[in-house]
């Protein structure tokens, strides 16, 4: 009887520990006012427009600005977006550009064209090639290696090393920014790269128990900003909708949005 009671009590306690309704979230609290910018996908025009809007309402030198990744593919000017973000981050220490899954697909293509070329081209790489005035490879079996070499040269000796060394996540106070998601059951420092870049099956339906807010792109939403306890979404599908969004997190935890 004692053994049965102990097992039953253990099961009840485990269920209680898993219940998300017991979690109490405070407001997001970055160490400095924070702008979060969603997926760009080659829309340099929208980036310039949004930066002007941001400058009109905040002092850029008094805020942190974090871009959530996916700068290339699908849209018309991946080359221009990379050049602009590189210059912006070189000029301002408070600007951070994270890696997205589309940058990772580019790296995979450049490192192993034969294995990863078709996948990257299928998911918007052909538009990135076009932005560098490079033709779509006609012979998928033999020309991918040559295309990769020409593309890496076109991206250039300044932008390419910079892009490859962008971080996967960024943190200020209780706000962590990643491209796609965090595993809600793991601390930020233990997140594998594939989760940060591609997402996690429990991210949208499991509340973190540590009070950390996760800001992300990757998943397109109609209503950016706070989408649940501990989640802030930024991606409004700019390449297709023409709507690039910046999400502003103030020091008092207020979250507001600004879109093109």
Protein backbone atom coordinates (compact mmCIF):
# COMPACT_ATOMS: atom_id res chain seq x y z
CA UNK A 1 0.00 0.00 0.00
CA UNK A 2 2.80 2.41 0.82
CA UNK A 3 4.44 1.69 -2.54
CA UNK A 4 1.17 2.32 -4.45
CA UNK A 5 0.61 5.58 -2.57
CA UNK A 6 4.16 6.74 -3.28
CA UNK A 7 3.82 6.01 -7.00
CA UNK A 8 0.47 7.78 -7.20
CA UNK A 9 1.83 10.82 -5.37
CA UNK A 10 4.87 10.94 -7.68
CA UNK A 11 2.63 10.91 -10.77
CA UNK A 12 0.45 13.70 -9.38
CA UNK A 13 3.48 15.85 -8.58
CA UNK A 14 4.91 15.32 -12.08
CA UNK A 15 1.61 16.42 -13.65
CA UNK A 16 1.51 19.52 -11.48
CA UNK A 17 5.06 20.44 -12.47
CA UNK A 18 4.11 20.27 -16.14
CA UNK A 19 1.12 22.58 -15.85
CA UNK A 20 1.87 25.91 -17.61
CA UNK A 21 -0.88 27.82 -15.79
CA UNK A 22 1.32 27.94 -12.71
CA UNK A 23 3.90 30.06 -14.52
CA UNK A 24 3.74 33.79 -13.83
CA UNK A 25 5.44 35.99 -16.41
CA UNK A 26 6.68 39.44 -15.64
CA UNK A 27 6.89 41.92 -18.52
CA UNK A 28 9.78 41.77 -20.98
CA UNK A 29 12.67 43.72 -19.47
CA UNK A 30 15.62 44.38 -21.80
CA UNK A 31 18.57 46.29 -20.39
CA UNK A 32 18.09 49.00 -23.04
CA UNK A 33 15.15 49.95 -25.25
CA UNK A 34 15.01 47.34 -28.00
CA UNK A 35 13.94 47.25 -31.64
CA UNK A 36 13.35 43.84 -33.23
CA UNK A 37 13.11 43.64 -37.02
CA UNK A 38 11.50 40.70 -38.78
CA UNK A 39 12.56 38.66 -41.81
CA UNK A 40 13.71 40.80 -44.74
CA UNK A 41 14.10 38.30 -47.60
CA UNK A 42 15.69 40.67 -50.06
CA UNK A 43 13.40 43.67 -49.50
CA UNK A 44 15.94 46.49 -49.30
CA UNK A 45 13.22 49.00 -50.15
CA UNK A 46 11.22 48.05 -47.07
CA UNK A 47 14.32 48.02 -44.88
CA UNK A 48 15.17 51.60 -45.82
CA UNK A 49 11.57 52.68 -45.25
CA UNK A 50 11.39 51.02 -41.84
CA UNK A 51 14.71 52.49 -40.72
CA UNK A 52 13.42 55.95 -41.55
CA UNK A 53 10.28 55.29 -39.53
CA UNK A 54 12.31 54.03 -36.58
CA UNK A 55 14.61 57.07 -36.71
CA UNK A 56 11.58 59.34 -36.64
CA UNK A 57 10.38 58.01 -33.29
CA UNK A 58 13.50 56.88 -31.39
CA UNK A 59 17.17 57.79 -31.09
CA UNK A 60 19.04 54.91 -32.71
CA UNK A 61 22.12 55.44 -30.56
CA UNK A 62 19.98 54.98 -27.44
CA UNK A 63 18.42 51.67 -28.47
CA UNK A 64 19.54 48.18 -29.38
CA UNK A 65 18.43 46.94 -32.80
CA UNK A 66 18.30 43.21 -33.50
CA UNK A 67 17.51 41.75 -36.92
CA UNK A 68 16.08 38.26 -36.61
CA UNK A 69 17.66 36.71 -39.71
CA UNK A 70 16.54 35.62 -43.20
CA UNK A 71 18.01 38.55 -45.09
CA UNK A 72 18.31 36.74 -48.40
CA UNK A 73 16.24 34.68 -50.90
CA UNK A 74 12.74 35.13 -52.31
CA UNK A 75 12.79 38.95 -52.57
CA UNK A 76 14.50 40.99 -55.33
CA UNK A 77 17.57 42.49 -53.61
CA UNK A 78 19.39 40.10 -51.29
CA UNK A 79 22.71 41.64 -52.33
CA UNK A 80 21.57 45.13 -51.34
CA UNK A 81 20.18 43.94 -48.00
CA UNK A 82 23.45 42.24 -47.04
CA UNK A 83 25.50 45.28 -48.00
CA UNK A 84 23.21 47.58 -46.03
CA UNK A 85 23.15 45.43 -42.90
CA UNK A 86 26.92 44.94 -43.01
CA UNK A 87 27.46 48.69 -43.18
CA UNK A 88 24.88 49.34 -40.47
CA UNK A 89 26.42 46.84 -38.05
CA UNK A 90 29.93 48.13 -38.75
CA UNK A 91 28.84 51.68 -37.98
CA UNK A 92 26.82 50.91 -34.84
CA UNK A 93 27.79 48.60 -32.00
CA UNK A 94 24.15 48.50 -30.91
CA UNK A 95 23.07 46.72 -34.14
CA UNK A 96 23.01 42.91 -34.12
CA UNK A 97 22.20 40.71 -37.11
CA UNK A 98 21.33 37.11 -36.29
CA UNK A 99 21.60 34.12 -38.58
CA UNK A 100 18.41 32.71 -40.07
CA UNK A 101 17.75 29.37 -41.70
CA UNK A 102 18.08 30.91 -45.17
CA UNK A 103 21.59 32.14 -44.38
CA UNK A 104 22.37 28.65 -43.13
CA UNK A 105 21.08 27.14 -46.38
CA UNK A 106 23.38 29.52 -48.25
CA UNK A 107 26.36 28.41 -46.15
CA UNK A 108 25.48 24.77 -46.76
CA UNK A 109 25.35 25.42 -50.51
CA UNK A 110 28.68 27.24 -50.56
CA UNK A 111 30.35 24.50 -48.50
CA UNK A 112 28.86 21.54 -50.39
CA UNK A 113 27.16 22.68 -53.63
CA UNK A 114 26.38 19.23 -54.99
CA UNK A 115 24.57 18.12 -51.84
CA UNK A 116 22.75 21.29 -50.86
CA UNK A 117 22.40 23.33 -54.07
CA UNK A 118 19.00 22.07 -55.18
CA UNK A 119 17.44 22.67 -51.81
CA UNK A 120 18.72 26.22 -51.53
CA UNK A 121 17.68 27.15 -55.06
CA UNK A 122 14.23 25.66 -54.48
CA UNK A 123 13.71 27.87 -51.42
CA UNK A 124 14.61 31.20 -52.99
CA UNK A 125 18.30 30.92 -53.81
CA UNK A 126 17.65 31.67 -57.46
CA UNK A 127 16.46 35.18 -56.50
CA UNK A 128 19.65 35.68 -54.50
CA UNK A 129 21.74 34.68 -57.53
CA UNK A 130 19.78 37.12 -59.67
CA UNK A 131 20.49 39.96 -57.21
CA UNK A 132 24.20 39.42 -57.94
CA UNK A 133 23.51 39.25 -61.70
CA UNK A 134 24.32 35.54 -61.74
CA UNK A 135 22.28 33.20 -63.97
CA UNK A 136 20.31 30.22 -62.78
CA UNK A 137 22.54 27.14 -63.23
CA UNK A 138 21.38 25.16 -66.24
CA UNK A 139 23.33 22.00 -65.53
CA UNK A 140 22.40 21.14 -61.96
CA UNK A 141 24.83 18.24 -61.84
CA UNK A 142 28.06 19.87 -62.94
CA UNK A 143 27.78 23.65 -62.62
CA UNK A 144 26.79 24.10 -58.98
CA UNK A 145 30.37 24.09 -57.72
CA UNK A 146 31.29 26.82 -60.16
CA UNK A 147 28.19 28.83 -59.27
CA UNK A 148 29.03 28.59 -55.56
CA UNK A 149 32.56 29.87 -56.14
CA UNK A 150 31.36 32.79 -58.27
CA UNK A 151 28.64 33.68 -55.75
CA UNK A 152 31.03 33.68 -52.79
CA UNK A 153 33.32 36.00 -54.72
CA UNK A 154 30.39 38.26 -55.60
CA UNK A 155 29.25 38.53 -52.00
CA UNK A 156 32.75 39.74 -51.32
CA UNK A 157 35.66 39.55 -48.86
CA UNK A 158 34.05 42.00 -46.45
CA UNK A 159 30.45 40.79 -46.31
CA UNK A 160 31.04 37.04 -46.51
CA UNK A 161 33.20 36.62 -43.37
CA UNK A 162 30.92 39.01 -41.51
CA UNK A 163 27.84 37.02 -42.48
CA UNK A 164 29.37 33.68 -41.48
CA UNK A 165 30.19 34.96 -38.00
CA UNK A 166 26.76 36.35 -37.10
CA UNK A 167 25.37 34.91 -33.84
CA UNK A 168 22.49 32.48 -33.49
CA UNK A 169 20.93 34.23 -30.50
CA UNK A 170 21.15 37.46 -28.52
CA UNK A 171 20.06 38.34 -25.01
CA UNK A 172 19.33 41.47 -23.00
CA UNK A 173 17.78 41.16 -19.55
CA UNK A 174 15.00 38.58 -19.71
CA UNK A 175 14.61 38.84 -23.51
CA UNK A 176 16.29 36.30 -25.81
CA UNK A 177 16.14 36.78 -29.57
CA UNK A 178 16.53 33.88 -32.01
CA UNK A 179 15.48 33.41 -35.59
CA UNK A 180 12.92 30.63 -35.16
CA UNK A 181 12.43 29.40 -31.60
CA UNK A 182 13.86 28.05 -28.37
CA UNK A 183 13.19 24.65 -26.85
CA UNK A 184 10.94 25.64 -23.91
CA UNK A 185 12.45 22.91 -21.75
CA UNK A 186 16.07 24.03 -22.09
CA UNK A 187 17.99 27.08 -20.95
CA UNK A 188 19.06 29.47 -23.72
CA UNK A 189 22.70 28.40 -23.46
CA UNK A 190 21.78 24.77 -24.21
CA UNK A 191 19.81 25.38 -27.41
CA UNK A 192 20.98 23.40 -30.46
CA UNK A 193 21.46 25.36 -33.65
CA UNK A 194 18.72 23.53 -35.57
CA UNK A 195 16.13 24.65 -33.00
CA UNK A 196 17.28 28.26 -33.12
CA UNK A 197 17.19 28.22 -36.93
CA UNK A 198 14.23 25.97 -37.76
CA UNK A 199 12.00 25.88 -34.67
CA UNK A 200 10.76 23.44 -32.06
CA UNK A 201 7.46 21.50 -31.96
CA UNK A 202 6.62 22.68 -28.42
CA UNK A 203 7.60 26.32 -28.82
CA UNK A 204 4.11 27.66 -29.51
CA UNK A 205 2.15 25.52 -27.06
CA UNK A 206 4.44 25.18 -24.04
CA UNK A 207 5.13 28.06 -21.67
CA UNK A 208 8.67 28.46 -20.42
CA UNK A 209 9.10 28.11 -16.67
CA UNK A 210 12.01 30.53 -16.30
CA UNK A 211 10.26 33.79 -17.17
CA UNK A 212 12.38 34.38 -20.28
CA UNK A 213 10.74 36.11 -23.23
CA UNK A 214 11.66 34.76 -26.67
CA UNK A 215 11.48 37.14 -29.63
CA UNK A 216 11.60 35.49 -33.04
CA UNK A 217 11.01 35.71 -36.76
CA UNK A 218 10.63 32.74 -39.15
CA UNK A 219 6.90 32.16 -38.59
CA UNK A 220 4.68 34.68 -40.40
CA UNK A 221 1.97 36.27 -38.27
CA UNK A 222 -0.79 38.77 -39.02
CA UNK A 223 -0.53 40.44 -35.61
CA UNK A 224 3.12 40.93 -34.59
CA UNK A 225 4.15 41.66 -31.03
CA UNK A 226 3.20 39.56 -28.01
CA UNK A 227 1.57 36.34 -29.19
CA UNK A 228 1.48 34.44 -25.89
CA UNK A 229 3.18 34.16 -22.52
CA UNK A 230 6.84 34.76 -23.18
CA UNK A 231 6.68 35.08 -26.99
CA UNK A 232 7.17 38.10 -29.27
CA UNK A 233 6.73 37.61 -33.04
CA UNK A 234 8.21 39.89 -35.71
CA UNK A 235 7.77 38.24 -39.13
CA UNK A 236 4.95 39.64 -41.26
CA UNK A 237 6.03 38.10 -44.58
CA UNK A 238 7.69 41.22 -45.98
CA UNK A 239 8.86 39.67 -49.25
CA UNK A 240 5.28 38.86 -50.23
CA UNK A 241 3.07 41.25 -48.27
CA UNK A 242 5.19 44.42 -48.49
CA UNK A 243 4.84 44.69 -44.73
CA UNK A 244 8.12 44.72 -42.82
CA UNK A 245 7.65 45.07 -39.07
CA UNK A 246 9.72 46.49 -36.27
CA UNK A 247 8.70 45.59 -32.72
CA UNK A 248 9.73 48.01 -29.98
CA UNK A 249 10.23 46.83 -26.39
CA UNK A 250 10.55 49.69 -23.92
CA UNK A 251 12.23 49.57 -20.53
CA UNK A 252 8.87 49.39 -18.77
CA UNK A 253 7.92 46.28 -20.76
CA UNK A 254 5.54 47.97 -23.19
CA UNK A 255 5.59 46.30 -26.61
CA UNK A 256 4.53 48.27 -29.69
CA UNK A 257 4.84 47.66 -33.43
CA UNK A 258 5.68 49.70 -36.50
CA UNK A 259 5.19 48.38 -40.03
CA UNK A 260 5.85 49.62 -43.54
